[in-house]
C-alpha atoms as a PDB file:
ATOM      1  CA  UNK A   1      -0.012  -0.007   0.023  1.00  0.00           C
ATOM      2  CA  UNK A   2       2.892   2.303   0.744  1.00  0.00           C
ATOM      3  CA  UNK A   3       4.409   1.879  -2.727  1.00  0.00           C
ATOM      4  CA  UNK A   4       0.978   2.335  -4.376  1.00  0.00           C
ATOM      5  CA  UNK A   5       0.360   5.586  -2.484  1.00  0.00           C
ATOM      6  CA  UNK A   6       3.781   6.804  -3.336  1.00  0.00           C
ATOM      7  CA  UNK A   7       3.319   6.287  -7.079  1.00  0.00           C
ATOM      8  CA  UNK A   8      -0.333   7.315  -7.354  1.00  0.00           C
ATOM      9  CA  UNK A   9      -0.524  10.273  -4.934  1.00  0.00           C
ATOM     10  CA  UNK A  10       3.122  11.313  -4.592  1.00  0.00           C
ATOM     11  CA  UNK A  11       2.988  10.720  -0.805  1.00  0.00           C
ATOM     12  CA  UNK A  12       6.078   9.091   0.691  1.00  0.00           C
ATOM     13  CA  UNK A  13       4.454   6.409   2.846  1.00  0.00           C
ATOM     14  CA  UNK A  14       7.035   3.659   2.257  1.00  0.00           C
ATOM     15  CA  UNK A  15       9.224   4.742   5.180  1.00  0.00           C
ATOM     16  CA  UNK A  16       6.214   4.954   7.438  1.00  0.00           C
ATOM     17  CA  UNK A  17       5.188   1.454   6.518  1.00  0.00           C
ATOM     18  CA  UNK A  18       8.629   0.138   7.109  1.00  0.00           C
ATOM     19  CA  UNK A  19       8.919   1.908  10.497  1.00  0.00           C
ATOM     20  CA  UNK A  20       5.504   0.540  11.553  1.00  0.00           C
ATOM     21  CA  UNK A  21       6.438  -3.000  10.505  1.00  0.00           C
ATOM     22  CA  UNK A  22       9.738  -2.776  12.395  1.00  0.00           C
ATOM     23  CA  UNK A  23       8.017  -1.529  15.545  1.00  0.00           C
ATOM     24  CA  UNK A  24       5.408  -4.320  15.230  1.00  0.00           C
ATOM     25  CA  UNK A  25       8.065  -7.019  14.767  1.00  0.00           C
ATOM     26  CA  UNK A  26      10.027  -5.768  17.779  1.00  0.00           C
ATOM     27  CA  UNK A  27       6.992  -6.132  19.979  1.00  0.00           C
ATOM     28  CA  UNK A  28       6.558  -9.756  18.798  1.00  0.00           C
ATOM     29  CA  UNK A  29      10.113 -10.653  19.452  1.00  0.00           C
ATOM     30  CA  UNK A  30      10.096  -8.963  22.837  1.00  0.00           C
ATOM     31  CA  UNK A  31       6.960 -10.747  23.857  1.00  0.00           C
ATOM     32  CA  UNK A  32       8.306 -14.119  22.688  1.00  0.00           C
ATOM     33  CA  UNK A  33      11.619 -13.445  24.429  1.00  0.00           C
ATOM     34  CA  UNK A  34       9.771 -12.707  27.681  1.00  0.00           C
ATOM     35  CA  UNK A  35       7.763 -15.895  27.434  1.00  0.00           C
ATOM     36  CA  UNK A  36      10.906 -17.873  26.583  1.00  0.00           C
ATOM     37  CA  UNK A  37      12.781 -16.466  29.541  1.00  0.00           C
ATOM     38  CA  UNK A  38      10.007 -17.075  32.058  1.00  0.00           C
ATOM     39  CA  UNK A  39       9.254 -20.568  30.844  1.00  0.00           C
ATOM     40  CA  UNK A  40      12.928 -21.492  30.685  1.00  0.00           C
ATOM     41  CA  UNK A  41      13.417 -20.144  34.225  1.00  0.00           C
ATOM     42  CA  UNK A  42      10.494 -22.087  35.643  1.00  0.00           C
ATOM     43  CA  UNK A  43      11.576 -25.320  33.945  1.00  0.00           C
ATOM     44  CA  UNK A  44      15.238 -24.856  35.054  1.00  0.00           C
ATOM     45  CA  UNK A  45      14.075 -24.200  38.649  1.00  0.00           C
ATOM     46  CA  UNK A  46      11.891 -27.399  38.640  1.00  0.00           C
ATOM     47  CA  UNK A  47      14.826 -29.483  37.185  1.00  0.00           C
ATOM     48  CA  UNK A  48      17.369 -28.111  39.704  1.00  0.00           C
ATOM     49  CA  UNK A  49      15.068 -28.795  42.665  1.00  0.00           C
ATOM     50  CA  UNK A  50      14.468 -32.444  41.519  1.00  0.00           C
ATOM     51  CA  UNK A  51      18.114 -33.034  41.036  1.00  0.00           C
ATOM     52  CA  UNK A  52      18.985 -31.589  44.478  1.00  0.00           C
ATOM     53  CA  UNK A  53      16.375 -33.834  46.078  1.00  0.00           C
ATOM     54  CA  UNK A  54      17.838 -36.812  44.366  1.00  0.00           C
ATOM     55  CA  UNK A  55      21.356 -35.913  45.567  1.00  0.00           C
ATOM     56  CA  UNK A  56      20.044 -35.460  49.142  1.00  0.00           C
ATOM     57  CA  UNK A  57      18.260 -38.863  49.032  1.00  0.00           C
ATOM     58  CA  UNK A  58      21.333 -40.549  47.558  1.00  0.00           C
ATOM     59  CA  UNK A  59      19.517 -41.719  44.441  1.00  0.00           C
ATOM     60  CA  UNK A  60      21.794 -39.706  42.133  1.00  0.00           C
ATOM     61  CA  UNK A  61      25.604 -39.614  42.069  1.00  0.00           C
ATOM     62  CA  UNK A  62      27.338 -36.273  42.613  1.00  0.00           C
ATOM     63  CA  UNK A  63      29.694 -35.059  39.900  1.00  0.00           C
ATOM     64  CA  UNK A  64      33.397 -35.319  40.821  1.00  0.00           C
END
């Protein structure tokens, strides 16, 4: 649409479309990064707690 408006009406809307797309994409990546960090942290916490319990109970060997 930005290219069409530029050729038909002489308005430079290509840069505005690119800027809007860039901002939109950054929000998506930021949101996905936040979800990734939270989910990874929760799962890592769960795994570490399970491994520490196994070490305390003697059902898992400690690393040398």
